[in-house]
Every structure is written in structure tokens, then in C-alpha cells.
Amino acid sequence: MNDLSKRSVIAPIQAIDLMTAAFDLQRKGSSVIHMAVGQPAAPTPQVVREAAERAVRDGKIGYTEALGIPSL
């Protein structure tokens, strides 16, 4: 059995390709809102923080269904 790592044959993460394209557009003068990866530049809105606090307080902190919340 071959125990060599197969990591080198995995394609690059698509988010990196997306970020590269976004930065290219930005350099060409387009306005870009980066939402692909990493820490957002804007602070979390108060309404979102309050909703998160309610969810924790009400015990709504578990996993959703595999494909997300159906009503959304």
C-alpha cells in the first residue's frame, strides 16, 4: 500500500480563485465588496448581534438540516 500523501493532486481552493478575480477587478477600478473568505471589514450590525444573543438564550444553537433551514 502506498502511504504517500495525495494532497499535491488536490485542486486549489476555489475561494482563492474568487479572491484573485475580485482583486483583479478592483485594480481595474471596479468597486468590490469582499465576502469570500476572512474577517469582514465592517462590524457586525447590532440587529445581528441581538438575534444571535436571542438564539443562544433560546437554545437555538444546534445544527440545521443538511441543506439548511427549509423556510429560508
C-alpha atoms as a PDB file:
ATOM      1  CA  MET A   1       0.000   0.000   0.000  1.00  0.00           C
ATOM      2  CA  ASN A   2       1.284   3.450  -0.936  1.00  0.00           C
ATOM      3  CA  ASP A   3       1.306   5.808   2.071  1.00  0.00           C
ATOM      4  CA  LEU A   4       2.418   8.911   0.158  1.00  0.00           C
ATOM      5  CA  SER A   5       0.266  11.982   0.568  1.00  0.00           C
ATOM      6  CA  LYS A   6      -2.174  12.804  -2.219  1.00  0.00           C
ATOM      7  CA  ARG A   7      -2.518  16.450  -1.141  1.00  0.00           C
ATOM      8  CA  SER A   8      -0.478  17.698  -4.084  1.00  0.00           C
ATOM      9  CA  VAL A   9      -3.084  16.423  -6.559  1.00  0.00           C
ATOM     10  CA  ILE A  10      -5.957  18.362  -4.977  1.00  0.00           C
ATOM     11  CA  ALA A  11      -7.107  21.387  -6.999  1.00  0.00           C
ATOM     12  CA  PRO A  12      -6.592  24.832  -5.422  1.00  0.00           C
ATOM     13  CA  ILE A  13      -9.379  26.139  -3.215  1.00  0.00           C
ATOM     14  CA  GLN A  14     -11.963  27.927  -5.365  1.00  0.00           C
ATOM     15  CA  ALA A  15     -12.222  30.758  -2.839  1.00  0.00           C
ATOM     16  CA  ILE A  16      -8.630  31.716  -3.649  1.00  0.00           C
ATOM     17  CA  ASP A  17      -9.511  31.903  -7.364  1.00  0.00           C
ATOM     18  CA  LEU A  18     -12.521  34.064  -6.488  1.00  0.00           C
ATOM     19  CA  MET A  19     -10.407  36.398  -4.347  1.00  0.00           C
ATOM     20  CA  THR A  20      -7.813  36.708  -7.105  1.00  0.00           C
ATOM     21  CA  ALA A  21     -10.504  37.635  -9.634  1.00  0.00           C
ATOM     22  CA  ALA A  22     -12.029  40.159  -7.194  1.00  0.00           C
ATOM     23  CA  PHE A  23      -8.674  41.853  -6.589  1.00  0.00           C
ATOM     24  CA  ASP A  24      -8.061  41.963 -10.360  1.00  0.00           C
ATOM     25  CA  LEU A  25     -11.412  43.721 -10.853  1.00  0.00           C
ATOM     26  CA  GLN A  26     -10.602  46.112  -8.018  1.00  0.00           C
ATOM     27  CA  ARG A  27      -7.249  47.005  -9.571  1.00  0.00           C
ATOM     28  CA  LYS A  28      -9.117  47.816 -12.797  1.00  0.00           C
ATOM     29  CA  GLY A  29     -11.343  50.283 -10.943  1.00  0.00           C
ATOM     30  CA  SER A  30     -14.385  48.185 -10.036  1.00  0.00           C
ATOM     31  CA  SER A  31     -15.961  48.538  -6.610  1.00  0.00           C
ATOM     32  CA  VAL A  32     -15.779  45.154  -4.871  1.00  0.00           C
ATOM     33  CA  ILE A  33     -17.328  44.016  -1.599  1.00  0.00           C
ATOM     34  CA  HIS A  34     -15.206  41.099  -0.401  1.00  0.00           C
ATOM     35  CA  MET A  35     -17.399  38.347   1.048  1.00  0.00           C
ATOM     36  CA  ALA A  36     -15.409  35.271   0.035  1.00  0.00           C
ATOM     37  CA  VAL A  37     -13.163  34.470   2.991  1.00  0.00           C
ATOM     38  CA  GLY A  38     -11.658  36.012   6.063  1.00  0.00           C
ATOM     39  CA  GLN A  39     -12.640  38.657   8.559  1.00  0.00           C
ATOM     40  CA  PRO A  40     -15.243  41.145   7.290  1.00  0.00           C
ATOM     41  CA  ALA A  41     -14.128  44.772   7.214  1.00  0.00           C
ATOM     42  CA  ALA A  42     -17.437  46.038   8.587  1.00  0.00           C
ATOM     43  CA  PRO A  43     -18.547  45.413  12.169  1.00  0.00           C
ATOM     44  CA  THR A  44     -21.436  43.042  12.841  1.00  0.00           C
ATOM     45  CA  PRO A  45     -24.687  45.038  12.784  1.00  0.00           C
ATOM     46  CA  GLN A  46     -26.420  45.465  16.149  1.00  0.00           C
ATOM     47  CA  VAL A  47     -29.574  43.688  14.918  1.00  0.00           C
ATOM     48  CA  VAL A  48     -27.489  40.612  14.023  1.00  0.00           C
ATOM     49  CA  ARG A  49     -25.755  40.603  17.418  1.00  0.00           C
ATOM     50  CA  GLU A  50     -29.127  40.833  19.169  1.00  0.00           C
ATOM     51  CA  ALA A  51     -30.539  37.977  17.058  1.00  0.00           C
ATOM     52  CA  ALA A  52     -27.505  35.845  17.905  1.00  0.00           C
ATOM     53  CA  GLU A  53     -27.933  36.580  21.611  1.00  0.00           C
ATOM     54  CA  ARG A  54     -31.623  35.562  21.409  1.00  0.00           C
ATOM     55  CA  ALA A  55     -30.723  32.353  19.564  1.00  0.00           C
ATOM     56  CA  VAL A  56     -28.193  31.386  22.238  1.00  0.00           C
ATOM     57  CA  ARG A  57     -30.576  32.323  25.057  1.00  0.00           C
ATOM     58  CA  ASP A  58     -33.419  30.317  23.425  1.00  0.00           C
ATOM     59  CA  GLY A  59     -31.205  27.265  22.845  1.00  0.00           C
ATOM     60  CA  LYS A  60     -31.235  27.543  19.042  1.00  0.00           C
ATOM     61  CA  ILE A  61     -27.551  26.771  18.625  1.00  0.00           C
ATOM     62  CA  GLY A  62     -27.597  23.282  17.085  1.00  0.00           C
ATOM     63  CA  TYR A  63     -27.061  22.140  13.543  1.00  0.00           C
ATOM     64  CA  THR A  64     -29.695  22.831  10.901  1.00  0.00           C
ATOM     65  CA  GLU A  65     -30.872  20.247   8.408  1.00  0.00           C
ATOM     66  CA  ALA A  66     -28.116  19.279   5.959  1.00  0.00           C
ATOM     67  CA  LEU A  67     -29.401  21.657   3.263  1.00  0.00           C
ATOM     68  CA  GLY A  68     -30.190  24.467   5.691  1.00  0.00           C
ATOM     69  CA  ILE A  69     -33.424  25.816   7.166  1.00  0.00           C
ATOM     70  CA  PRO A  70     -36.179  24.957   4.636  1.00  0.00           C
ATOM     71  CA  SER A  71     -38.180  28.164   5.249  1.00  0.00           C
ATOM     72  CA  LEU A  72     -35.160  30.235   4.275  1.00  0.00           C
END
